[in-house]
């Protein structure tokens, strides 16, 4: 995932003028948004991938999340890259081959080809 699509940017809050001008902000009481605070952590990415599932009702979503958790825990200790791979494998096992995820809406969409 990239910071283009995965970020913590608050689109309603302006960025710090010092940082947008190429400088640094040393004001601990600055009310503006700062670039360092918009970066996504590994945990943020794992959570984002984990919540992306085929569109379904609340009960089906809860079941999906529970099964995903059991699947990951059942694999034992795993590093960051392995957890990402497990989430993708699990999600792919739940989707038909002629579908893909609409990442903007976190739902399954049919392919046109």
Protein backbone atom coordinates (compact mmCIF):
# COMPACT_ATOMS: atom_id res chain seq x y z
CA UNK A 1 0.00 0.00 0.00
CA UNK A 2 1.17 3.49 -0.67
CA UNK A 3 0.75 6.74 1.19
CA UNK A 4 -1.21 7.96 -1.82
CA UNK A 5 -4.12 5.68 -0.94
CA UNK A 6 -3.34 4.84 2.67
CA UNK A 7 -2.77 7.84 4.84
CA UNK A 8 -4.00 9.69 7.90
CA UNK A 9 -4.58 13.02 6.19
CA UNK A 10 -7.43 15.07 7.58
CA UNK A 11 -8.80 16.70 4.43
CA UNK A 12 -10.60 19.35 6.49
CA UNK A 13 -7.47 20.54 8.28
CA UNK A 14 -4.77 22.66 6.60
CA UNK A 15 -1.10 21.69 6.67
CA UNK A 16 1.43 23.67 8.66
CA UNK A 17 2.65 26.63 6.56
CA UNK A 18 6.22 26.11 7.81
CA UNK A 19 6.28 22.53 6.54
CA UNK A 20 4.58 23.26 3.22
CA UNK A 21 7.22 25.95 2.61
CA UNK A 22 9.92 23.30 3.07
CA UNK A 23 10.85 24.15 6.64
CA UNK A 24 10.29 22.52 10.00
CA UNK A 25 7.71 23.28 12.61
CA UNK A 26 9.12 23.57 16.13
CA UNK A 27 5.95 24.99 17.66
CA UNK A 28 4.59 22.36 20.06
CA UNK A 29 1.27 24.22 20.19
CA UNK A 30 0.87 24.44 16.39
CA UNK A 31 -2.75 23.71 15.46
CA UNK A 32 -2.01 22.74 11.87
CA UNK A 33 -1.61 19.27 10.40
CA UNK A 34 1.98 18.00 10.05
CA UNK A 35 3.43 15.61 7.48
CA UNK A 36 4.87 13.23 10.09
CA UNK A 37 1.42 12.74 11.58
CA UNK A 38 -0.09 11.64 8.26
CA UNK A 39 2.11 8.60 7.70
CA UNK A 40 0.53 5.20 8.09
CA UNK A 41 2.03 2.63 10.44
CA UNK A 42 2.33 -1.07 9.67
CA UNK A 43 -0.53 -1.71 12.10
CA UNK A 44 -2.69 0.87 10.28
CA UNK A 45 -2.09 -0.98 6.98
CA UNK A 46 -2.95 -4.34 8.53
CA UNK A 47 -6.18 -2.89 9.93
CA UNK A 48 -7.05 -1.33 6.58
CA UNK A 49 -6.53 -4.59 4.71
CA UNK A 50 -8.47 -6.48 7.36
CA UNK A 51 -11.53 -4.29 7.02
CA UNK A 52 -11.63 -4.61 3.25
CA UNK A 53 -14.05 -7.40 2.48
CA UNK A 54 -16.80 -8.16 0.04
CA UNK A 55 -19.90 -6.09 0.75
CA UNK A 56 -22.28 -7.96 3.02
CA UNK A 57 -24.69 -7.44 5.87
CA UNK A 58 -23.42 -6.76 9.41
CA UNK A 59 -23.72 -10.41 10.48
CA UNK A 60 -21.71 -11.65 7.48
CA UNK A 61 -19.08 -8.95 8.09
CA UNK A 62 -18.75 -9.99 11.75
CA UNK A 63 -18.38 -13.64 10.71
CA UNK A 64 -15.75 -12.68 8.11
CA UNK A 65 -13.74 -10.71 10.69
CA UNK A 66 -13.93 -13.57 13.19
CA UNK A 67 -12.83 -16.14 10.61
CA UNK A 68 -9.98 -13.87 9.47
CA UNK A 69 -8.77 -13.47 13.05
CA UNK A 70 -8.87 -17.23 13.63
CA UNK A 71 -7.04 -17.81 10.33
CA UNK A 72 -4.21 -15.45 11.23
CA UNK A 73 -3.88 -16.66 14.82
CA UNK A 74 -3.92 -20.26 13.58
CA UNK A 75 -0.80 -19.59 11.50
CA UNK A 76 1.30 -18.90 14.63
CA UNK A 77 3.91 -16.18 14.88
CA UNK A 78 4.14 -14.09 11.73
CA UNK A 79 5.98 -10.93 10.80
CA UNK A 80 4.41 -7.91 9.15
CA UNK A 81 4.83 -9.12 5.56
CA UNK A 82 3.49 -12.57 6.45
CA UNK A 83 0.39 -11.10 8.12
CA UNK A 84 -0.31 -8.98 5.03
CA UNK A 85 0.04 -12.05 2.85
CA UNK A 86 -2.30 -14.07 5.11
CA UNK A 87 -4.97 -11.36 4.96
CA UNK A 88 -4.77 -11.25 1.16
CA UNK A 89 -4.86 -15.05 0.87
CA UNK A 90 -7.88 -15.27 3.16
CA UNK A 91 -9.76 -12.50 1.37
CA UNK A 92 -9.03 -14.05 -2.03
CA UNK A 93 -10.34 -17.40 -0.81
CA UNK A 94 -13.67 -15.72 -0.04
CA UNK A 95 -14.07 -14.04 -3.42
CA UNK A 96 -15.06 -15.45 -6.77
CA UNK A 97 -12.43 -15.38 -9.52
CA UNK A 98 -14.45 -12.96 -11.65
CA UNK A 99 -14.57 -10.21 -9.04
CA UNK A 100 -12.30 -7.59 -7.52
CA UNK A 101 -12.48 -5.14 -4.62
CA UNK A 102 -13.49 -1.56 -5.20
CA UNK A 103 -10.94 -0.06 -2.82
CA UNK A 104 -12.68 3.30 -2.76
CA UNK A 105 -15.86 1.74 -1.40
CA UNK A 106 -14.46 -1.45 0.16
CA UNK A 107 -16.87 -3.64 -1.69
CA UNK A 108 -16.83 -6.34 -4.30
CA UNK A 109 -17.37 -5.25 -7.88
CA UNK A 110 -17.79 -7.38 -11.01
CA UNK A 111 -15.13 -7.30 -13.72
CA UNK A 112 -16.25 -6.17 -17.13
CA UNK A 113 -13.85 -8.38 -19.12
